[in-house]
Protein backbone atom coordinates (compact mmCIF):
# COMPACT_ATOMS: atom_id res chain seq x y z
CA MET A 1 17.60 14.44 -14.15
CA HIS A 2 14.22 13.12 -15.15
CA SER A 3 14.15 11.49 -18.56
CA GLU A 4 10.67 10.01 -18.92
CA ARG A 5 7.49 11.95 -19.52
CA THR A 6 4.06 10.62 -18.61
CA GLN A 7 0.72 12.32 -19.05
CA VAL A 8 -1.88 11.77 -16.36
CA LEU A 9 -5.41 13.14 -16.35
CA LEU A 10 -6.62 14.24 -12.91
CA THR A 11 -9.97 15.38 -11.69
CA PRO A 12 -10.12 19.04 -10.70
CA ALA A 13 -10.36 17.99 -7.04
CA GLN A 14 -7.26 15.77 -7.30
CA ARG A 15 -5.26 18.52 -8.95
CA GLU A 16 -6.38 21.06 -6.35
CA ARG A 17 -5.35 18.77 -3.47
CA LEU A 18 -1.94 18.19 -5.02
CA GLN A 19 -1.51 21.89 -5.78
CA ARG A 20 -2.31 22.79 -2.15
CA ILE A 21 0.35 20.34 -0.95
CA ALA A 22 2.87 21.74 -3.42
CA SER A 23 2.13 25.33 -2.41
CA ARG A 24 2.25 24.55 1.29
CA GLU A 25 5.62 22.80 0.92
CA GLY A 26 7.06 25.27 -1.58
CA ARG A 27 7.57 22.56 -4.20
CA SER A 28 6.48 21.93 -7.74
CA LEU A 29 3.41 19.91 -8.57
CA GLY A 30 5.63 17.43 -10.42
CA ALA A 31 7.84 16.92 -7.35
CA VAL A 32 4.80 16.16 -5.21
CA ILE A 33 3.51 13.66 -7.78
CA ARG A 34 6.93 11.96 -8.08
CA ASP A 35 7.10 11.62 -4.29
CA ALA A 36 3.58 10.16 -4.23
CA VAL A 37 4.54 7.61 -6.90
CA ASP A 38 7.64 6.64 -4.90
CA ALA A 39 5.66 6.31 -1.67
CA TYR A 40 3.15 4.06 -3.41
CA THR A 41 5.55 1.89 -5.40
CA LEU A 42 8.81 1.55 -3.47
CA PRO A 43 8.95 -1.59 -1.34
CA ARG A 44 8.79 -1.02 2.38
CA ALA A 45 11.23 -2.67 4.71
CA ARG A 46 8.33 -4.75 5.97
CA PRO A 47 4.68 -4.71 4.96
CA ARG A 48 2.42 -3.18 7.60
CA GLY A 49 0.29 -6.29 7.86
CA GLU A 50 3.32 -8.43 8.71
CA ALA A 51 4.49 -5.91 11.29
CA LEU A 52 1.06 -5.92 12.95
CA GLN A 53 0.88 -9.70 12.97
CA SER A 54 4.31 -9.83 14.58
CA LEU A 55 3.25 -7.32 17.20
CA PHE A 56 0.05 -9.18 18.07
CA ALA A 57 1.80 -12.56 18.12
CA GLN A 58 4.13 -11.56 20.96
CA ASN A 59 3.74 -13.60 24.08
CA ALA A 60 4.24 -10.71 26.47
CA PRO A 61 3.39 -11.38 30.10
CA VAL A 62 0.15 -9.67 31.03
CA ASP A 63 -0.99 -9.44 34.63
CA ASP A 64 -4.37 -8.67 36.08
CA TRP A 65 -5.41 -5.13 35.09
CA THR A 66 -5.69 -3.89 38.68
CA VAL A 67 -2.17 -5.14 39.44
CA MET A 68 -0.77 -3.60 36.25
CA LYS A 69 -2.52 -0.29 36.95
CA ALA A 70 -1.10 -0.18 40.48
CA GLU A 71 2.41 -0.87 39.13
CA ILE A 72 2.07 1.90 36.55
CA GLU A 73 0.85 4.35 39.16
CA ARG A 74 3.64 3.42 41.59
CA GLY A 75 6.20 3.87 38.84
CA ALA A 76 4.74 7.23 37.84
CA LEU A 77 4.79 8.40 41.45
CA GLY A 78 8.26 6.98 42.13
CA ARG A 79 7.08 4.68 44.92
CA ALA A 80 8.24 1.12 45.50
CA GLY A 81 5.57 -1.51 45.95
CA PRO A 82 5.54 -4.42 48.39
CA ASP A 83 7.27 -6.75 45.91
CA ASP A 84 9.56 -4.14 44.34
CA PRO A 85 13.26 -4.22 45.22
CA VAL A 86 14.41 -1.51 47.60
CA ARG A 87 15.66 1.51 45.73
């Protein structure tokens, strides 16, 4: 059960946006606000910036675009290419 009470002043537009979410989801305004606070304050498993840096830092082999495109098309059409193993 909730034991702390906090008063927050919202603009009419903010309250309306939150109320629309609450109505659409069939929840109370307070529940929507509590979820928003949790989403903003709970630590994520990994910050987005770190995840993006990790993704961009990968040393994945990249071929010439025309070769890659041909491989993608062959795979999509189920055809083996000249260097592909026999299926």
